[in-house]
Protein backbone atom coordinates (compact mmCIF):
# COMPACT_ATOMS: atom_id res chain seq x y z
CA MET A 1 -68.96 -40.39 26.84
CA PHE A 2 -65.72 -41.07 27.89
CA ILE A 3 -66.40 -45.06 27.36
CA LYS A 4 -67.19 -44.92 24.31
CA PHE A 5 -64.07 -42.73 23.12
CA GLY A 6 -62.22 -45.55 24.72
CA ILE A 7 -63.89 -47.75 23.46
CA ILE A 8 -62.82 -46.76 19.93
CA THR A 9 -59.80 -45.82 20.84
CA GLY A 10 -58.67 -49.09 22.10
CA ILE A 11 -60.17 -50.59 19.18
CA ILE A 12 -58.25 -48.72 16.53
CA ILE A 13 -55.01 -49.49 18.37
CA LEU A 14 -55.80 -52.90 18.99
CA GLY A 15 -56.55 -52.88 14.79
CA GLY A 16 -52.75 -50.92 14.49
CA MET A 17 -51.22 -53.60 16.43
CA VAL A 18 -53.08 -56.44 14.74
CA PHE A 19 -52.30 -54.89 11.29
CA SER A 20 -48.47 -53.62 11.58
CA THR A 21 -47.43 -55.37 9.32
CA GLU A 22 -49.87 -54.87 6.51
CA ILE A 23 -50.00 -51.13 7.53
CA TYR A 24 -46.05 -50.66 7.19
CA ASN A 25 -46.39 -53.19 3.91
CA LEU A 26 -49.24 -50.35 2.25
CA PHE A 27 -47.29 -47.77 3.36
CA PRO A 28 -43.17 -47.92 4.43
CA ALA A 29 -42.34 -44.67 4.22
CA THR A 30 -45.34 -42.86 5.98
CA SER A 31 -44.57 -45.43 8.57
CA ALA A 32 -40.52 -44.86 8.85
CA THR A 33 -40.80 -41.35 8.56
CA THR A 34 -43.17 -41.41 11.13
CA VAL A 35 -41.22 -43.32 13.23
CA ASP A 36 -37.95 -41.07 12.64
CA SER A 37 -40.05 -37.94 12.86
CA LEU A 38 -41.22 -38.70 16.55
CA LYS A 39 -37.47 -40.13 17.48
CA ASN A 40 -36.38 -36.04 15.94
CA ASP A 41 -39.41 -34.90 17.87
CA VAL A 42 -37.90 -35.85 21.30
CA THR A 43 -34.11 -35.32 21.00
CA ASN A 44 -34.78 -31.74 19.65
CA LEU A 45 -37.37 -31.54 22.75
CA GLY A 46 -34.79 -32.20 25.08
CA SER A 47 -32.32 -30.66 23.52
CA LYS A 48 -34.73 -27.69 23.82
CA ALA A 49 -35.53 -27.97 27.25
CA SER A 50 -31.53 -28.59 28.37
CA ASP A 51 -30.88 -25.47 26.11
CA SER A 52 -33.50 -23.45 27.91
CA ILE A 53 -31.96 -24.57 31.44
CA GLU A 54 -29.05 -23.78 30.92
CA LYS A 55 -29.79 -20.03 29.43
CA ARG A 56 -31.85 -19.54 32.53
CA ILE A 57 -29.25 -20.98 35.23
CA ASP A 58 -26.55 -18.54 33.24
CA GLU A 59 -29.03 -15.82 33.67
CA SER A 60 -29.28 -16.24 37.28
CA ILE A 61 -26.50 -16.88 38.51
CA ASP A 62 -24.90 -13.72 35.69
CA THR A 63 -27.65 -11.74 38.14
CA ILE A 64 -26.26 -12.62 40.97
CA VAL A 65 -22.64 -12.24 40.58
CA ASP A 66 -23.70 -8.86 39.32
CA LYS A 67 -25.90 -7.79 41.89
CA THR A 68 -23.39 -9.15 44.75
CA SER A 69 -20.99 -6.86 42.84
CA ASN A 70 -22.90 -3.48 42.74
CA THR A 71 -23.88 -4.33 46.48
CA ILE A 72 -20.21 -4.89 47.48
CA ASN A 73 -18.17 -1.71 45.25
CA ASN A 74 -21.38 0.49 46.79
CA GLU A 75 -20.49 -0.39 50.34
CA ILE A 76 -16.39 0.06 49.31
CA ILE A 77 -17.38 3.56 48.32
CA GLU A 78 -19.97 4.67 51.00
CA ALA A 79 -17.04 3.46 53.64
CA GLY A 80 -14.17 5.42 51.95
CA ASP A 81 -16.60 8.57 51.58
CA LYS A 82 -17.11 8.16 55.54
CA ILE A 83 -13.33 8.20 55.89
CA THR A 84 -12.73 10.89 53.70
CA THR A 85 -15.37 13.03 55.97
CA LYS A 86 -13.43 12.42 59.34
CA ILE A 87 -10.17 13.00 58.35
CA SER A 88 -11.33 16.08 56.57
CA VAL A 89 -12.91 17.43 59.43
CA ALA A 90 -9.31 15.70 61.67
CA LYS A 91 -7.14 17.68 59.63
CA GLU A 92 -9.23 21.00 59.43
CA SER A 93 -9.47 20.68 63.53
CA SER A 94 -6.27 19.96 64.47
CA GLN A 95 -4.89 23.40 61.81
CA GLU A 96 -7.61 25.52 64.04
CA ILE A 97 -5.72 24.22 66.72
CA ILE A 98 -2.48 24.89 66.05
CA ASN A 99 -3.96 27.95 64.80
CA GLU A 100 -5.18 28.74 68.09
CA GLU A 101 -2.23 27.93 70.31
CA ILE A 102 0.16 29.85 67.73
CA SER A 103 -1.75 32.94 68.00
CA ASN A 104 -1.19 32.68 71.89
CA PHE A 105 2.17 31.66 71.64
CA ASP A 106 4.33 34.45 73.88
CA LEU A 107 7.64 33.88 73.00
CA ILE A 108 9.14 36.26 75.46
CA GLU A 109 6.97 35.33 78.28
CA SER A 110 8.00 31.24 77.53
CA ILE A 111 11.99 32.41 77.73
CA GLN A 112 11.01 34.42 80.60
CA ASN A 113 9.64 30.98 82.20
CA ILE A 114 12.68 28.61 81.18
CA PHE A 115 15.07 30.99 82.84
CA SER A 116 13.14 32.10 85.77
CA ILE A 117 13.77 30.27 89.19
CA ASN A 118 10.76 28.99 90.69
């Protein structure tokens, strides 16, 4: 089957090569149009392929930048929340300690301790 197909294809190609000038003389516009059409198709295919590759690269870069930016923002927000929480805890415990010390402070006893002789 492939042998028959190869022989037929070879005959057609050989006939086209041998009678190419006659074919061009009979169909000059068709031959020129076909060659130009093939050139345009190859050019269009190349430009479409490069445009597609550029678009995919741009989309990949945009995706990477967005994911990185979101990750960094989330980490900064989490760190800020932790710091805020720790500051609030320290403030509350400091206020409790100061309130305890003030409530336990006895002014008269402190004055007596200052002027007493040990």
